[in-house]
């Protein structure tokens, strides 16, 4: 397959690209900024329809991970999130349809569900996000699925869990905790620290894209979330076990998404996906990589 992966300058996209390369596929990546680490990356802004069109030449599968993925940037600049996550997605879908792309895989998020009515959250749960990030990601998802239903463009949407692994953003809680611990500073936990996430290793997420691309599934949305739930307090304690330091509690900050439990059984049934990386194993590997790269 000839695969296009958008968002090459981000965290998850390089891992997705490498998963396809390891499977023997030909991969083209793209980002709005030059990606020096990837010689096959094309600098293009898919919020421009003409630039989106040029990306599709010879492409069989699109893995669309580009856009605004930083929840705090989306909160401060919702207009940027709407342009990238909604308009940009529509541009890529138009280009994919015109070019005869066989599968368009849209990157969504578990945060589209909003306040849980029941748990664990499955794909039948209603979606009412109240944060600009979740709102714009859901809008992009709905547009993508409409292309499958109304225009015949095969689409799959993957609602990802909170990803972790090498290459994370400096402002992620993992990076912040590891940097503070390495400097001997206390780890600060907002509120009670009981807020939890089903942290999902980026290698498991990358495999979901590969399985979705290789399957005949279309017109479906699937949760791609590890089952183990870890609180922020637990995360801080696990980091402090590996890099000894103190933990301090501070007032909660606004804008954080509340805890929820998410079910990923549908992905197991439709494409055979399940998370394989145990959280503690993945975290230890990440910490050791972080320490080695900081020397």
Protein backbone atom coordinates (compact mmCIF):
# COMPACT_ATOMS: atom_id res chain seq x y z
CA UNK A 1 0.00 0.00 0.00
CA UNK A 2 0.96 3.59 -0.55
CA UNK A 3 0.10 5.37 2.68
CA UNK A 4 -0.17 9.07 3.53
CA UNK A 5 0.26 9.99 7.22
CA UNK A 6 -0.58 13.56 8.20
CA UNK A 7 0.75 15.31 11.30
CA UNK A 8 4.30 14.01 10.87
CA UNK A 9 5.69 16.65 13.21
CA UNK A 10 3.51 15.44 16.06
CA UNK A 11 3.81 12.63 18.57
CA UNK A 12 1.70 9.72 17.31
CA UNK A 13 2.06 10.08 13.52
CA UNK A 14 5.76 9.05 13.29
CA UNK A 15 4.94 5.84 15.16
CA UNK A 16 2.05 5.14 12.78
CA UNK A 17 4.29 5.79 9.78
CA UNK A 18 6.94 3.41 11.12
CA UNK A 19 4.35 0.68 11.73
CA UNK A 20 3.36 0.78 8.06
CA UNK A 21 6.99 0.86 6.94
CA UNK A 22 7.73 -2.16 9.11
CA UNK A 23 4.82 -3.92 7.41
CA UNK A 24 6.43 -3.28 4.00
CA UNK A 25 4.24 -0.40 2.88
CA UNK A 26 5.41 2.78 1.16
CA UNK A 27 4.79 5.79 3.37
CA UNK A 28 4.57 9.50 2.59
CA UNK A 29 4.22 11.86 5.53
CA UNK A 30 3.25 15.49 5.72
CA UNK A 31 3.16 18.37 8.17
CA UNK A 32 2.66 22.12 7.99
CA UNK A 33 6.26 22.54 9.17
CA UNK A 34 9.38 20.82 7.82
CA UNK A 35 10.10 17.48 9.50
CA UNK A 36 13.87 17.07 9.43
CA UNK A 37 13.78 13.56 10.93
CA UNK A 38 11.79 12.22 7.94
CA UNK A 39 13.34 12.62 4.50
CA UNK A 40 10.08 11.46 2.88
CA UNK A 41 7.99 14.14 4.54
CA UNK A 42 6.28 16.81 2.45
CA UNK A 43 5.71 20.26 3.91
CA UNK A 44 2.10 21.21 3.18
CA UNK A 45 -0.83 22.93 4.87
CA UNK A 46 -3.99 20.87 4.37
CA UNK A 47 -6.16 23.80 5.46
CA UNK A 48 -5.40 24.95 1.90
CA UNK A 49 -7.49 22.82 -0.48
CA UNK A 50 -4.95 22.96 -3.34
CA UNK A 51 -2.15 21.76 -1.08
CA UNK A 52 -4.37 18.95 0.22
CA UNK A 53 -5.02 17.85 -3.38
CA UNK A 54 -1.32 17.59 -4.15
CA UNK A 55 -0.74 15.20 -1.28
CA UNK A 56 -2.96 12.45 -2.69
CA UNK A 57 -1.09 11.48 -5.85
CA UNK A 58 -0.79 7.68 -5.90
CA UNK A 59 -2.07 7.24 -2.34
CA UNK A 60 -4.13 4.19 -1.33
CA UNK A 61 -4.68 4.85 2.39
CA UNK A 62 -4.79 8.10 4.35
CA UNK A 63 -4.06 8.10 8.09
CA UNK A 64 -5.17 11.55 9.16
CA UNK A 65 -3.47 12.45 12.44
CA UNK A 66 -2.72 16.10 11.67
CA UNK A 67 -4.45 19.06 13.26
CA UNK A 68 -4.59 20.74 16.65
CA UNK A 69 -4.14 18.04 19.28
CA UNK A 70 -3.13 20.24 22.20
CA UNK A 71 -6.20 20.71 24.41
CA UNK A 72 -4.85 23.92 25.94
CA UNK A 73 -4.06 25.44 22.53
CA UNK A 74 -7.58 24.52 21.42
CA UNK A 75 -9.01 26.21 24.51
CA UNK A 76 -7.02 29.41 23.98
CA UNK A 77 -7.42 29.49 20.19
CA UNK A 78 -10.57 27.60 19.18
CA UNK A 79 -10.45 29.26 15.76
CA UNK A 80 -7.17 27.47 15.02
CA UNK A 81 -8.60 24.15 16.21
CA UNK A 82 -11.70 24.61 14.03
CA UNK A 83 -9.64 25.48 10.94
CA UNK A 84 -7.29 22.53 11.28
CA UNK A 85 -9.59 19.87 12.71
CA UNK A 86 -12.72 20.65 10.72
CA UNK A 87 -11.87 22.59 7.55
CA UNK A 88 -8.56 20.77 7.07
CA UNK A 89 -10.23 17.40 7.46
CA UNK A 90 -12.88 18.32 4.88
CA UNK A 91 -10.16 19.38 2.44
CA UNK A 92 -8.36 16.06 2.82
CA UNK A 93 -11.59 14.11 2.40
CA UNK A 94 -12.40 15.98 -0.81
CA UNK A 95 -8.91 15.27 -2.10
CA UNK A 96 -9.09 11.61 -1.09
CA UNK A 97 -12.46 11.13 -2.79
CA UNK A 98 -11.26 12.79 -5.99
CA UNK A 99 -8.09 10.65 -6.04
CA UNK A 100 -9.82 7.32 -5.43
CA UNK A 101 -8.26 6.64 -2.03
CA UNK A 102 -9.40 3.20 -0.82
CA UNK A 103 -9.47 3.98 2.94
CA UNK A 104 -9.44 7.19 4.99
CA UNK A 105 -8.66 6.69 8.68
CA UNK A 106 -9.63 9.64 10.85
CA UNK A 107 -8.03 10.22 14.23
CA UNK A 108 -10.68 11.04 16.79
CA UNK A 109 -10.51 10.95 20.60
CA UNK A 110 -12.36 9.42 23.53
CA UNK A 111 -12.94 13.00 24.71
CA UNK A 112 -15.79 13.41 22.18
CA UNK A 113 -18.14 11.65 24.60
CA UNK A 114 -18.33 14.46 27.13
CA UNK A 115 -19.96 13.82 30.53
CA UNK A 116 -20.64 10.07 30.87
CA UNK A 117 -24.24 8.89 31.13
CA UNK A 118 -22.98 5.37 31.79
CA UNK A 119 -19.65 3.60 31.99
CA UNK A 120 -17.69 2.07 30.46
CA UNK A 121 -18.19 4.33 27.46
CA UNK A 122 -18.85 2.45 24.24
CA UNK A 123 -19.38 3.72 20.73
CA UNK A 124 -23.17 3.85 21.22
CA UNK A 125 -22.84 6.49 23.95
CA UNK A 126 -24.02 9.92 22.86
CA UNK A 127 -21.32 12.54 22.13
CA UNK A 128 -21.65 15.97 23.74
CA UNK A 129 -18.18 17.42 24.28
CA UNK A 130 -18.01 20.86 25.92
CA UNK A 131 -14.34 21.65 25.19
CA UNK A 132 -13.16 23.21 21.89
CA UNK A 133 -10.76 20.30 21.35
CA UNK A 134 -13.44 17.62 21.66
CA UNK A 135 -15.98 19.72 19.76
CA UNK A 136 -13.71 20.22 16.75
CA UNK A 137 -12.53 16.59 16.75
CA UNK A 138 -16.14 15.39 16.80
CA UNK A 139 -17.02 17.76 13.95
CA UNK A 140 -14.16 16.35 11.88
CA UNK A 141 -15.25 12.82 12.73
CA UNK A 142 -18.85 13.47 11.70
CA UNK A 143 -17.76 15.02 8.42
CA UNK A 144 -15.48 12.06 7.73
CA UNK A 145 -18.22 9.50 8.39
CA UNK A 146 -20.64 11.48 6.21
CA UNK A 147 -18.23 11.01 3.29
CA UNK A 148 -18.58 7.26 3.75
CA UNK A 149 -22.36 7.33 4.05
CA UNK A 150 -23.15 9.97 1.43
CA UNK A 151 -20.24 10.03 -1.01
CA UNK A 152 -18.93 6.48 -0.97
CA UNK A 153 -15.49 7.31 0.41
CA UNK A 154 -14.52 4.44 2.76
CA UNK A 155 -13.80 5.89 6.22
CA UNK A 156 -12.93 4.54 9.64
CA UNK A 157 -12.72 6.77 12.73
CA UNK A 158 -10.51 5.75 15.66
CA UNK A 159 -11.28 7.33 19.03
CA UNK A 160 -7.88 7.17 20.68
CA UNK A 161 -7.10 6.97 24.35
CA UNK A 162 -4.52 9.22 25.99
CA UNK A 163 -1.31 8.17 24.23
CA UNK A 164 2.12 7.87 25.82
CA UNK A 165 5.55 6.79 24.61
CA UNK A 166 8.71 8.24 23.12
CA UNK A 167 8.37 11.60 21.38
CA UNK A 168 5.66 13.04 23.63
CA UNK A 169 5.07 16.79 23.81
CA UNK A 170 7.14 18.68 26.41
CA UNK A 171 3.90 19.89 28.02
CA UNK A 172 2.48 16.38 28.54
CA UNK A 173 2.11 15.29 32.15
CA UNK A 174 4.60 12.48 31.50
CA UNK A 175 7.29 14.88 30.22
CA UNK A 176 6.62 17.38 33.00
CA UNK A 177 6.87 14.74 35.72
CA UNK A 178 10.01 13.16 34.27
CA UNK A 179 11.77 16.52 33.80
CA UNK A 180 10.92 17.67 37.32
CA UNK A 181 12.03 14.40 38.87
CA UNK A 182 15.29 14.47 36.93
CA UNK A 183 15.99 17.97 38.27
CA UNK A 184 15.14 16.89 41.81
CA UNK A 185 11.98 19.02 41.94
CA UNK A 186 8.69 17.94 43.53
CA UNK A 187 5.96 16.51 41.30
CA UNK A 188 2.81 18.61 41.59
CA UNK A 189 -0.55 16.84 41.46
CA UNK A 190 -3.58 19.02 40.76
CA UNK A 191 -6.56 18.49 43.01
CA UNK A 192 -6.91 15.07 44.61
CA UNK A 193 -4.96 13.36 41.84
CA UNK A 194 -7.77 10.82 41.59
CA UNK A 195 -8.56 11.84 38.00
CA UNK A 196 -7.65 8.83 35.89
CA UNK A 197 -6.81 7.97 32.30
CA UNK A 198 -6.54 4.74 30.34
CA UNK A 199 -3.08 5.60 29.06
CA UNK A 200 -2.50 3.75 25.79
CA UNK A 201 0.99 3.04 24.48
CA UNK A 202 1.71 4.66 21.16
CA UNK A 203 2.89 1.36 19.65
CA UNK A 204 -0.53 -0.16 20.36
CA UNK A 205 -2.21 2.84 18.77
CA UNK A 206 -0.01 2.53 15.69
CA UNK A 207 -1.07 -1.10 15.29
CA UNK A 208 -4.71 -0.03 15.32
CA UNK A 209 -4.15 2.12 12.23
CA UNK A 210 -2.42 -0.77 10.49
CA UNK A 211 -5.21 -3.20 11.34
CA UNK A 212 -7.88 -0.70 10.25
CA UNK A 213 -6.13 -0.12 6.93
CA UNK A 214 -5.79 -3.83 6.21
CA UNK A 215 -9.40 -4.63 7.09
CA UNK A 216 -12.57 -4.33 5.01
CA UNK A 217 -14.26 -2.35 7.79
CA UNK A 218 -15.71 1.01 6.78
CA UNK A 219 -18.25 3.51 8.07
CA UNK A 220 -17.40 2.60 11.65
CA UNK A 221 -16.05 4.38 14.71
CA UNK A 222 -13.97 2.43 17.23
CA UNK A 223 -12.47 3.18 20.63
CA UNK A 224 -8.73 2.47 20.73
CA UNK A 225 -8.08 2.60 24.46
CA UNK A 226 -6.13 0.35 26.83
CA UNK A 227 -8.24 -1.16 29.60
CA UNK A 228 -5.98 -0.33 32.56
CA UNK A 229 -6.93 2.90 34.37
CA UNK A 230 -4.18 4.93 36.08
CA UNK A 231 -4.76 8.01 38.24
CA UNK A 232 -2.52 11.06 37.98
CA UNK A 233 -1.49 10.41 41.57
CA UNK A 234 -0.48 6.86 40.65
CA UNK A 235 1.47 8.16 37.66
CA UNK A 236 3.38 10.57 39.89
CA UNK A 237 4.14 7.79 42.37
CA UNK A 238 5.37 5.45 39.64
CA UNK A 239 7.65 8.15 38.21
CA UNK A 240 8.95 8.90 41.73
CA UNK A 241 9.74 5.21 42.19
CA UNK A 242 12.04 5.30 39.17
CA UNK A 243 13.44 8.81 39.77
CA UNK A 244 13.13 9.46 43.52
CA UNK A 245 11.56 12.81 44.37
CA UNK A 246 8.71 14.30 46.44
CA UNK A 247 5.05 14.68 45.44
CA UNK A 248 3.04 17.80 46.30
CA UNK A 249 -0.68 18.46 45.97
CA UNK A 250 -1.87 21.78 44.46
CA UNK A 251 -5.33 23.17 43.60
CA UNK A 252 -7.10 21.68 40.59
CA UNK A 253 -6.91 23.59 37.31
CA UNK A 254 -9.81 24.34 35.00
CA UNK A 255 -10.18 22.76 31.57
CA UNK A 256 -9.12 19.23 32.51
CA UNK A 257 -11.34 16.41 31.25
CA UNK A 258 -12.99 14.38 34.02
CA UNK A 259 -12.21 10.70 34.50
CA UNK A 260 -14.16 8.09 32.54
CA UNK A 261 -13.83 4.41 31.70
CA UNK A 262 -13.83 3.51 28.01
CA UNK A 263 -14.60 0.15 26.39
CA UNK A 264 -12.66 -1.02 23.32
CA UNK A 265 -14.35 -4.37 22.69
CA UNK A 266 -15.72 -3.25 19.32
CA UNK A 267 -12.19 -2.76 17.93
CA UNK A 268 -11.34 -6.26 19.07
CA UNK A 269 -14.33 -7.72 17.26
CA UNK A 270 -14.01 -5.71 14.03
CA UNK A 271 -10.25 -5.47 13.44
CA UNK A 272 -8.73 -7.75 16.08
CA UNK A 273 -7.15 -4.93 18.10
CA UNK A 274 -6.24 -5.01 21.75
CA UNK A 275 -3.65 -3.15 23.79
CA UNK A 276 -0.59 -5.29 24.48
CA UNK A 277 1.80 -2.99 26.39
CA UNK A 278 1.35 -3.13 30.17
CA UNK A 279 1.38 0.42 31.57
CA UNK A 280 4.13 -0.08 34.12
CA UNK A 281 6.34 -1.76 31.53
CA UNK A 282 5.72 1.01 29.02
CA UNK A 283 6.32 3.74 31.60
CA UNK A 284 9.62 2.27 32.78
CA UNK A 285 10.85 2.04 29.19
CA UNK A 286 9.79 5.64 28.58
CA UNK A 287 11.56 6.89 31.73
CA UNK A 288 14.78 5.08 30.85
CA UNK A 289 14.66 6.47 27.31
CA UNK A 290 14.05 9.96 28.72
CA UNK A 291 16.99 9.70 31.09
CA UNK A 292 19.31 8.35 28.40
CA UNK A 293 18.34 11.11 25.94
CA UNK A 294 18.80 13.81 28.62
CA UNK A 295 22.43 12.93 29.29
